[in-house]
Amino acid sequence: MEISSGGCSPRGISKKEGSEETTNLQLQELPHRVHEHVDFNLNSQVQSMNALDILRETVRILRFNSWGFMAITVVLICPVSAVILSNVLVDESIVKSLSIRLMLVAKTSGLPLRPLIKQSCHRFAEMAISSAVSFPLYPTLVLCSKAAVVYSVDCTYSRKKCDASKFCMIIAKFWRKIVSTYMWSCTVIVGCITLFCVFLVAFCSALSVLGFSPDVMVYAAVMVGLVFSVVFANAIIICDIAIVISVLEDVSGAQAMMRSNMLIKGQTQVGLLIFLGSTMGMAFVEGLFEHRVKTLSYGDGSSRLWEGPLLVVMYSFMVLIDSMMSVVFYFSCRSCRMEAADGESSSILEMAMSAETMAIQ
């Protein structure tokens, strides 16, 4: 399977005959024409896929360029995974203080402090503190790993060899708009979580005023949480695809978010299945790390020496697969909205770089 490029390629334009004025006019219009070509001339061989097809395609791409993706995993993903799983930067006293405050808020709103509520408050506090103290890693290593995965998948589809120096040039040119899109994604995610917390407190307070029993309130809170999970998953999918769009297309920030929302219409169920599978896999590895490494539940703890690194590698591999599936999902969604075209195979990123270079000249 291959993504072919047709229409007006930079090399095709350079071969056209004409006067010098015509050539200059073509070079001035080239960036717009390349982006238009990128938007509408994706080969129809990448058809709409379900979640299982996307997983198979991801494995095929991983086998095609295994060394490149393993390098991305070891250099960029593993260090972040080790920090996230071990919570080495998290101060447990701050987590405990925040969880107590959350439990007070829950009790004030009328929720009974049952083990489920206490555990949820502690888990939420731990995730919030971990995200806050680890935030410098996200717009650097994590974002660079996502961009590297997008570049590698794009090179695989265009049958180009991945070049680290060329990737660095691309990142240097497009890094600002990628970071801008990431900041918009963070804003959307934090906004969703804040809206959920405010709505949950208000909803439970209203039920308490109306005189509902604690059991009913707990069940109602769980149902609200389930509904929020679907909304939150959609937001995560949109944000992930927006990052891919900011790397491959000439949009960023809010425009990339809107482009992502339009692109996945009709494919939301596939995105939710991908998100569910990735989340379950990473949660499973996190649970194993919690009980086999952080909590000494058996033996003398000597197995930590090999179980810890192994689980970090497993978690990093899950993050890699999740990023790759997001890129494949992007190509699958976009192929549904584009016209088929024949022509030479060329990398989207290389075409954009060539267009800008020729325009400057």
Protein backbone atom coordinates (compact mmCIF):
# COMPACT_ATOMS: atom_id res chain seq x y z
CA MET A 1 0.00 0.00 0.00
CA GLU A 2 1.40 3.35 -0.98
CA ILE A 3 0.42 6.96 -0.95
CA SER A 4 1.16 8.33 -4.35
CA SER A 5 1.49 11.95 -5.33
CA GLY A 6 0.13 13.38 -8.47
CA GLY A 7 -0.78 16.69 -9.94
CA CYS A 8 1.76 19.49 -9.81
CA SER A 9 4.93 18.27 -8.16
CA PRO A 10 7.92 20.61 -7.76
CA ARG A 11 9.97 18.57 -10.21
CA GLY A 12 7.15 18.64 -12.76
CA ILE A 13 6.90 22.39 -12.53
CA SER A 14 10.64 22.87 -12.94
CA LYS A 15 10.51 21.03 -16.28
CA LYS A 16 7.90 23.30 -17.81
CA GLU A 17 8.99 25.50 -20.64
CA GLY A 18 8.11 29.13 -20.83
CA SER A 19 9.33 32.58 -20.28
CA GLU A 20 11.19 33.75 -17.19
CA GLU A 21 8.16 35.69 -15.96
CA THR A 22 5.97 32.60 -16.18
CA THR A 23 8.52 30.58 -14.24
CA ASN A 24 8.74 33.20 -11.50
CA LEU A 25 4.96 33.30 -11.26
CA GLN A 26 4.87 29.52 -10.91
CA LEU A 27 7.45 29.62 -8.13
CA GLN A 28 5.44 32.25 -6.26
CA GLU A 29 2.30 30.12 -6.47
CA LEU A 30 4.09 26.89 -5.65
CA PRO A 31 3.55 26.74 -1.85
CA HIS A 32 -0.20 27.20 -2.25
CA ARG A 33 -0.34 24.64 -5.06
CA VAL A 34 1.66 22.07 -3.10
CA HIS A 35 -0.59 22.40 -0.05
CA GLU A 36 -3.63 22.15 -2.31
CA HIS A 37 -2.07 19.07 -3.89
CA VAL A 38 -1.44 17.60 -0.45
CA ASP A 39 -5.01 18.21 0.60
CA PHE A 40 -6.79 16.70 -2.37
CA ASN A 41 -4.59 14.19 -4.17
CA LEU A 42 -4.01 11.36 -1.70
CA ASN A 43 -4.02 7.98 -3.38
CA SER A 44 -7.25 6.09 -2.77
CA GLN A 45 -5.37 2.89 -1.95
CA VAL A 46 -5.41 4.02 1.73
CA GLN A 47 -9.11 3.43 2.19
CA SER A 48 -11.27 3.92 5.27
CA MET A 49 -10.25 1.37 7.88
CA ASN A 50 -11.73 -0.02 11.05
CA ALA A 51 -9.70 -0.20 14.26
CA LEU A 52 -8.36 -3.69 13.54
CA ASP A 53 -7.27 -2.69 10.04
CA ILE A 54 -5.47 0.33 11.45
CA LEU A 55 -3.67 -1.90 13.96
CA ARG A 56 -2.61 -4.25 11.17
CA GLU A 57 -1.41 -1.33 9.06
CA THR A 58 0.52 0.01 12.06
CA VAL A 59 2.28 -3.33 12.52
CA ARG A 60 3.10 -3.43 8.80
CA ILE A 61 4.67 0.04 8.99
CA LEU A 62 6.55 -0.91 12.15
CA ARG A 63 8.03 -3.96 10.42
CA PHE A 64 8.97 -1.90 7.37
CA ASN A 65 11.03 0.59 9.42
CA SER A 66 11.59 -1.23 12.72
CA TRP A 67 15.03 0.24 13.45
CA GLY A 68 13.83 3.81 13.04
CA PHE A 69 10.85 3.37 15.33
CA MET A 70 12.92 1.49 17.91
CA ALA A 71 15.37 4.40 17.94
CA ILE A 72 12.49 6.81 18.57
CA THR A 73 11.28 4.59 21.40
CA VAL A 74 14.65 4.29 23.12
CA VAL A 75 15.82 7.89 22.72
CA LEU A 76 12.60 9.89 23.11
CA ILE A 77 9.84 7.76 24.68
CA CYS A 78 11.58 5.54 27.24
CA PRO A 79 12.96 8.40 29.41
CA VAL A 80 9.50 9.96 29.69
CA SER A 81 7.88 6.58 30.39
CA ALA A 82 10.36 5.91 33.21
CA VAL A 83 9.54 9.26 34.84
CA ILE A 84 5.77 8.80 34.46
CA LEU A 85 5.65 5.23 35.76
CA SER A 86 7.99 5.75 38.69
CA ASN A 87 6.49 9.12 39.73
CA VAL A 88 10.00 10.06 40.78
CA LEU A 89 9.17 13.78 40.53
CA VAL A 90 5.94 13.55 42.52
CA ASP A 91 5.85 14.64 46.16
CA GLU A 92 3.51 12.28 47.99
CA SER A 93 2.75 14.88 50.67
CA ILE A 94 1.34 17.23 48.02
CA VAL A 95 -0.70 14.39 46.53
CA LYS A 96 -2.10 13.51 49.95
CA SER A 97 -2.98 17.14 50.68
CA LEU A 98 -4.73 17.57 47.33
CA SER A 99 -6.63 14.28 47.68
CA ILE A 100 -7.88 15.36 51.13
CA ARG A 101 -9.13 18.63 49.66
CA LEU A 102 -10.89 16.75 46.86
CA MET A 103 -12.55 14.44 49.39
CA LEU A 104 -13.75 17.48 51.34
CA VAL A 105 -15.25 18.90 48.16
CA ALA A 106 -16.93 15.55 47.44
CA LYS A 107 -18.32 15.38 50.99
CA THR A 108 -19.57 18.97 50.78
CA SER A 109 -21.42 18.17 47.55
CA GLY A 110 -23.21 15.29 49.27
CA LEU A 111 -21.22 12.29 48.04
CA PRO A 112 -20.52 9.61 50.68
CA LEU A 113 -16.80 9.00 51.28
CA ARG A 114 -16.80 5.38 50.21
CA PRO A 115 -13.63 3.56 49.09
CA LEU A 116 -14.48 4.20 45.42
CA ILE A 117 -14.74 7.96 46.03
CA LYS A 118 -11.55 8.06 48.12
CA GLN A 119 -9.61 6.06 45.56
CA SER A 120 -10.88 8.23 42.72
CA CYS A 121 -9.86 11.42 44.55
CA HIS A 122 -6.39 10.04 45.30
CA ARG A 123 -5.90 8.87 41.72
CA PHE A 124 -7.04 12.19 40.29
CA ALA A 125 -4.73 14.10 42.65
CA GLU A 126 -1.80 11.87 41.72
CA MET A 127 -2.42 12.32 37.99
CA ALA A 128 -2.79 16.10 38.35
CA ILE A 129 0.44 16.51 40.33
CA SER A 130 2.33 14.12 38.04
CA SER A 131 1.19 16.01 34.93
CA ALA A 132 2.14 19.34 36.49
CA VAL A 133 5.66 18.40 37.59
CA SER A 134 6.36 16.42 34.41
CA PHE A 135 4.98 19.10 32.08
CA PRO A 136 8.42 20.26 30.80
CA LEU A 137 8.88 16.80 29.29
CA TYR A 138 5.70 17.01 27.21
CA PRO A 139 6.40 19.97 24.87
CA THR A 140 9.97 18.68 24.42
CA LEU A 141 10.58 14.93 24.37
CA VAL A 142 6.96 13.78 24.00
CA LEU A 143 6.13 16.26 21.26
CA CYS A 144 9.40 15.53 19.47
CA SER A 145 8.64 11.80 19.58
CA LYS A 146 5.18 12.39 18.09
CA ALA A 147 6.67 14.51 15.30
CA ALA A 148 9.30 11.83 14.65
CA VAL A 149 6.61 9.16 14.39
CA VAL A 150 4.60 11.31 11.95
CA TYR A 151 7.71 11.91 9.84
CA SER A 152 8.63 8.20 9.81
CA VAL A 153 5.13 7.08 8.81
CA ASP A 154 5.02 9.72 6.08
CA CYS A 155 8.39 8.51 4.75
CA THR A 156 7.18 4.91 4.86
CA TYR A 157 4.09 5.70 2.79
CA SER A 158 6.12 7.68 0.27
CA ARG A 159 8.83 4.96 0.17
CA LYS A 160 11.51 7.40 1.28
CA LYS A 161 14.40 6.68 3.60
CA CYS A 162 14.13 8.36 7.01
CA ASP A 163 16.90 10.93 7.39
CA ALA A 164 17.64 12.28 10.87
CA SER A 165 19.23 15.48 9.54
CA LYS A 166 16.25 16.16 7.28
CA PHE A 167 13.90 15.53 10.21
CA CYS A 168 15.83 18.07 12.30
CA MET A 169 15.49 20.63 9.49
CA ILE A 170 11.75 20.01 9.28
CA ILE A 171 11.31 20.27 13.04
CA ALA A 172 13.33 23.49 13.15
CA LYS A 173 11.01 25.04 10.55
CA PHE A 174 7.69 23.80 11.91
CA TRP A 175 8.40 23.49 15.66
CA ARG A 176 6.67 26.73 16.62
CA LYS A 177 3.36 25.78 15.03
CA ILE A 178 3.56 22.25 16.46
CA VAL A 179 4.03 23.66 19.96
CA SER A 180 1.18 26.11 19.34
CA THR A 181 -1.14 23.23 18.46
CA TYR A 182 0.02 21.29 21.51
CA MET A 183 -0.76 24.23 23.79
CA TRP A 184 -4.24 24.45 22.29
CA SER A 185 -4.64 20.72 22.95
CA CYS A 186 -3.61 21.18 26.58
CA THR A 187 -6.12 24.02 26.91
CA VAL A 188 -8.93 21.85 25.52
CA ILE A 189 -8.07 18.91 27.80
CA VAL A 190 -7.78 21.06 30.94
CA GLY A 191 -11.03 22.80 29.99
CA CYS A 192 -12.85 19.46 29.63
CA ILE A 193 -11.60 18.23 33.02
CA THR A 194 -12.48 21.51 34.74
CA LEU A 195 -15.95 21.56 33.20
CA PHE A 196 -16.51 17.96 34.32
CA CYS A 197 -15.47 18.69 37.91
CA VAL A 198 -17.68 21.78 38.14
CA PHE A 199 -20.65 19.98 36.60
CA LEU A 200 -20.19 16.91 38.84
CA VAL A 201 -20.09 19.00 42.01
CA ALA A 202 -23.12 21.03 40.96
CA PHE A 203 -25.04 17.90 39.92
CA CYS A 204 -24.34 16.05 43.16
CA SER A 205 -25.19 19.15 45.20
CA ALA A 206 -28.53 19.43 43.40
CA LEU A 207 -29.29 15.75 44.10
CA SER A 208 -28.39 16.24 47.76
CA VAL A 209 -30.71 19.26 48.05
CA LEU A 210 -33.53 17.25 46.44
CA GLY A 211 -33.09 14.57 49.11
CA PHE A 212 -31.76 11.62 47.10
CA SER A 213 -30.04 8.84 49.02
CA PRO A 214 -26.21 8.46 48.97
CA ASP A 215 -26.46 5.28 46.91
CA VAL A 216 -28.42 7.05 44.19
CA MET A 217 -25.90 9.88 44.21
CA VAL A 218 -22.97 7.48 43.76
CA TYR A 219 -24.67 5.73 40.83
CA ALA A 220 -25.55 9.08 39.27
CA ALA A 221 -21.96 10.26 39.66
CA VAL A 222 -20.71 7.08 37.98
CA MET A 223 -23.10 7.60 35.05
CA VAL A 224 -21.92 11.20 34.68
CA GLY A 225 -18.36 9.91 34.73
CA LEU A 226 -19.10 7.44 31.95
CA VAL A 227 -20.65 10.14 29.78
CA PHE A 228 -17.66 12.38 30.44
CA SER A 229 -15.31 9.56 29.49
CA VAL A 230 -16.80 9.45 25.99
CA VAL A 231 -16.57 13.25 25.63
CA PHE A 232 -13.02 13.26 26.99
CA ALA A 233 -12.00 10.45 24.63
CA ASN A 234 -13.31 12.46 21.67
CA ALA A 235 -11.32 15.48 22.85
CA ILE A 236 -8.14 13.38 23.12
CA ILE A 237 -8.68 11.98 19.60
CA ILE A 238 -9.18 15.46 18.16
CA CYS A 239 -6.05 16.72 19.92
CA ASP A 240 -3.94 13.78 18.72
CA ILE A 241 -5.04 14.21 15.11
CA ALA A 242 -4.48 17.98 15.40
CA ILE A 243 -0.83 17.33 16.32
CA VAL A 244 -0.48 15.15 13.21
CA ILE A 245 -2.13 17.84 11.09
CA SER A 246 0.21 20.53 12.42
CA VAL A 247 3.18 18.43 11.24
CA LEU A 248 1.84 17.44 7.83
CA GLU A 249 -0.31 20.40 6.83
CA ASP A 250 0.02 24.16 6.71
CA VAL A 251 -2.30 24.81 9.67
CA SER A 252 -1.74 25.02 13.41
CA GLY A 253 -3.39 26.00 16.66
CA ALA A 254 -7.15 26.46 16.62
CA GLN A 255 -7.30 25.87 12.85
CA ALA A 256 -5.65 22.46 13.30
CA MET A 257 -8.18 21.60 16.01
CA MET A 258 -11.11 22.53 13.76
CA ARG A 259 -9.55 20.69 10.82
CA SER A 260 -9.16 17.61 13.03
CA ASN A 261 -12.77 17.79 14.17
CA MET A 262 -13.99 17.98 10.57
CA LEU A 263 -11.64 15.22 9.42
CA ILE A 264 -12.79 12.54 11.87
CA LYS A 265 -16.51 13.05 11.23
CA GLY A 266 -18.01 9.69 10.39
CA GLN A 267 -14.96 7.90 11.85
CA THR A 268 -15.50 8.73 15.51
CA GLN A 269 -16.32 5.16 16.47
CA VAL A 270 -13.01 3.95 15.02
CA GLY A 271 -11.16 6.64 16.95
CA LEU A 272 -12.92 5.67 20.18
CA LEU A 273 -11.97 2.01 19.72
CA ILE A 274 -8.35 2.99 19.12
CA PHE A 275 -8.38 5.19 22.22
CA LEU A 276 -10.01 2.44 24.31
CA GLY A 277 -7.47 -0.18 23.23
CA SER A 278 -4.48 2.09 23.84
CA THR A 279 -5.79 3.28 27.21
CA MET A 280 -6.48 -0.26 28.40
CA GLY A 281 -3.02 -1.41 27.33
CA MET A 282 -1.21 1.46 29.05
CA ALA A 283 -3.38 1.14 32.17
CA PHE A 284 -2.55 -2.57 32.35
CA VAL A 285 1.18 -1.86 32.23
CA GLU A 286 0.81 0.94 34.80
CA GLY A 287 -1.00 -1.49 37.11
CA LEU A 288 1.75 -4.06 36.71
CA PHE A 289 4.41 -1.45 37.50
CA GLU A 290 2.44 -0.31 40.55
CA HIS A 291 2.08 -3.79 42.04
CA ARG A 292 5.32 -5.43 40.87
CA VAL A 293 7.81 -2.59 41.21
CA LYS A 294 6.54 0.28 43.36
CA THR A 295 4.75 -1.97 45.87
CA LEU A 296 6.78 -4.85 47.28
CA SER A 297 4.10 -7.55 47.41
CA TYR A 298 6.31 -10.66 47.30
CA GLY A 299 9.87 -11.91 47.69
CA ASP A 300 12.87 -9.77 48.55
CA GLY A 301 12.37 -7.28 45.72
CA SER A 302 15.30 -8.48 43.60
CA SER A 303 12.98 -8.96 40.61
CA ARG A 304 12.57 -5.18 40.44
CA LEU A 305 15.97 -4.99 38.75
CA TRP A 306 14.60 -6.57 35.57
CA GLU A 307 10.84 -6.12 35.90
CA GLY A 308 11.11 -2.33 36.18
CA PRO A 309 13.06 -1.76 32.92
CA LEU A 310 10.96 -4.38 31.14
CA LEU A 311 7.69 -2.67 32.07
CA VAL A 312 9.13 0.73 31.07
CA VAL A 313 9.96 -0.70 27.63
CA MET A 314 6.49 -2.25 27.37
CA TYR A 315 4.84 1.05 28.28
CA SER A 316 7.03 2.92 25.78
CA PHE A 317 6.06 0.43 23.07
CA MET A 318 2.38 1.01 23.85
CA VAL A 319 2.91 4.78 23.53
CA LEU A 320 4.70 4.24 20.19
CA ILE A 321 1.88 2.08 18.83
CA ASP A 322 -0.70 4.64 19.98
CA SER A 323 1.15 7.46 18.18
CA MET A 324 1.52 5.39 15.01
CA MET A 325 -2.14 4.42 15.01
CA SER A 326 -3.09 8.10 15.30
CA VAL A 327 -1.06 8.87 12.17
CA VAL A 328 -2.53 5.93 10.25
CA PHE A 329 -6.00 6.98 11.41
CA TYR A 330 -5.31 10.47 10.06
CA PHE A 331 -4.37 9.11 6.63
CA SER A 332 -7.40 6.81 6.67
CA CYS A 333 -9.80 9.67 7.48
CA ARG A 334 -8.24 11.96 4.91
CA SER A 335 -8.38 9.37 2.14
CA CYS A 336 -12.18 9.30 2.48
CA ARG A 337 -12.33 12.98 1.53
CA MET A 338 -9.88 13.14 -1.33
CA GLU A 339 -9.77 12.47 -5.03
CA ALA A 340 -7.50 9.74 -6.34
CA ALA A 341 -4.59 10.85 -8.50
CA ASP A 342 -1.76 9.08 -10.29
CA GLY A 343 1.81 10.26 -10.29
CA GLU A 344 5.11 10.06 -8.48
CA SER A 345 5.41 9.11 -4.83
CA SER A 346 6.66 11.94 -2.65
CA SER A 347 6.76 12.76 1.03
CA ILE A 348 4.32 15.43 2.16
CA LEU A 349 6.90 17.03 4.41
CA GLU A 350 9.56 17.01 1.70
CA MET A 351 7.14 18.63 -0.74
CA ALA A 352 6.33 21.41 1.73
CA MET A 353 10.04 21.99 2.43
CA SER A 354 10.85 22.05 -1.30
CA ALA A 355 8.01 24.48 -1.98
CA GLU A 356 9.20 26.93 0.66
CA THR A 357 12.82 26.70 -0.53
CA MET A 358 11.90 27.35 -4.18
CA ALA A 359 9.60 30.22 -3.19
CA ILE A 360 12.45 31.88 -1.26
CA GLN A 361 14.80 31.47 -4.22
